[in-house]
């Protein structure tokens, strides 16, 4: 989800919190650190008060964009299948 939102452009931490309201602060922090460590995203820290941090896709991260878009399209196409399965479970 985080990578999908970064396709649109640079995001700040609180923007991710609004876009993904069910993710905890801790989990978001861990996911962003892991993606940065793997070279998928870049963290830019501005030296100001209060601190400002922005996240963006690296060149390596950009190579994932076609895959992420295909996964979203697949999910959109098969969303009805999941909804039908949920109704059966009820």
Protein backbone atom coordinates (compact mmCIF):
# COMPACT_ATOMS: atom_id res chain seq x y z
CA UNK A 1 0.00 0.00 0.00
CA UNK A 2 2.78 2.43 0.89
CA UNK A 3 4.51 1.92 -2.44
CA UNK A 4 1.25 2.38 -4.31
CA UNK A 5 0.73 5.76 -2.65
CA UNK A 6 4.31 6.81 -3.45
CA UNK A 7 3.64 6.31 -7.17
CA UNK A 8 1.70 9.58 -7.01
CA UNK A 9 4.70 11.39 -5.54
CA UNK A 10 6.49 12.28 -2.34
CA UNK A 11 4.66 11.69 0.92
CA UNK A 12 5.20 12.71 4.52
CA UNK A 13 4.68 10.41 7.50
CA UNK A 14 1.35 11.93 8.50
CA UNK A 15 0.09 11.69 4.93
CA UNK A 16 0.64 7.92 5.15
CA UNK A 17 -1.26 7.89 8.44
CA UNK A 18 -4.25 9.53 6.73
CA UNK A 19 -4.04 7.28 3.66
CA UNK A 20 -3.67 4.10 5.76
CA UNK A 21 -5.65 4.82 8.94
CA UNK A 22 -5.57 1.19 10.15
CA UNK A 23 -1.77 0.98 10.31
CA UNK A 24 -0.19 1.66 13.69
CA UNK A 25 2.49 4.30 14.14
CA UNK A 26 5.01 1.58 15.01
CA UNK A 27 4.20 -0.62 12.01
CA UNK A 28 4.33 2.33 9.62
CA UNK A 29 7.74 3.30 11.01
CA UNK A 30 9.03 -0.27 10.68
CA UNK A 31 7.74 -0.63 7.11
CA UNK A 32 9.26 2.69 6.00
CA UNK A 33 12.61 1.78 7.57
CA UNK A 34 12.62 -1.63 5.89
CA UNK A 35 11.78 -0.15 2.48
CA UNK A 36 14.54 2.43 2.93
CA UNK A 37 17.03 -0.22 4.03
CA UNK A 38 16.15 -2.27 0.93
CA UNK A 39 16.77 0.74 -1.31
CA UNK A 40 13.14 0.96 -2.46
CA UNK A 41 12.37 4.36 -0.95
CA UNK A 42 14.42 7.42 -0.03
CA UNK A 43 13.95 9.40 3.15
CA UNK A 44 14.78 13.11 2.93
CA UNK A 45 15.15 14.92 6.25
CA UNK A 46 14.91 18.71 6.27
CA UNK A 47 16.90 20.47 8.98
CA UNK A 48 14.17 22.65 10.42
CA UNK A 49 11.95 22.94 13.47
CA UNK A 50 9.67 21.09 13.60
CA UNK A 51 11.51 18.38 11.64
CA UNK A 52 10.18 17.60 8.18
CA UNK A 53 10.71 14.19 6.58
CA UNK A 54 9.60 13.16 3.10
CA UNK A 55 9.58 9.75 1.45
CA UNK A 56 9.87 9.02 -2.26
CA UNK A 57 10.58 6.08 -4.53
CA UNK A 58 14.19 5.49 -5.54
CA UNK A 59 15.15 4.45 -9.07
CA UNK A 60 15.00 0.85 -7.86
CA UNK A 61 11.56 1.51 -6.35
CA UNK A 62 10.35 2.95 -9.64
CA UNK A 63 11.06 -0.40 -11.31
CA UNK A 64 8.25 -1.83 -9.14
CA UNK A 65 5.62 0.61 -10.42
CA UNK A 66 4.37 -1.59 -13.31
CA UNK A 67 4.08 -4.57 -10.96
CA UNK A 68 2.24 -2.56 -8.31
CA UNK A 69 -0.19 -1.22 -10.90
CA UNK A 70 -0.84 -4.72 -12.25
CA UNK A 71 -1.50 -5.98 -8.71
CA UNK A 72 -4.00 -3.15 -8.15
CA UNK A 73 -5.75 -3.93 -11.42
CA UNK A 74 -5.90 -7.62 -10.49
CA UNK A 75 -7.39 -6.74 -7.10
CA UNK A 76 -9.96 -4.45 -8.68
CA UNK A 77 -10.98 -7.17 -11.18
CA UNK A 78 -11.30 -9.87 -8.52
CA UNK A 79 -12.80 -7.79 -5.72
CA UNK A 80 -16.21 -9.32 -6.42
CA UNK A 81 -14.81 -12.81 -5.84
CA UNK A 82 -13.67 -11.82 -2.35
CA UNK A 83 -16.98 -10.16 -1.53
CA UNK A 84 -18.87 -13.30 -2.63
CA UNK A 85 -16.63 -15.48 -0.45
CA UNK A 86 -17.25 -13.19 2.54
CA UNK A 87 -21.01 -13.43 2.02
CA UNK A 88 -20.82 -17.26 1.95
CA UNK A 89 -18.90 -17.23 5.23
CA UNK A 90 -21.67 -15.25 6.93
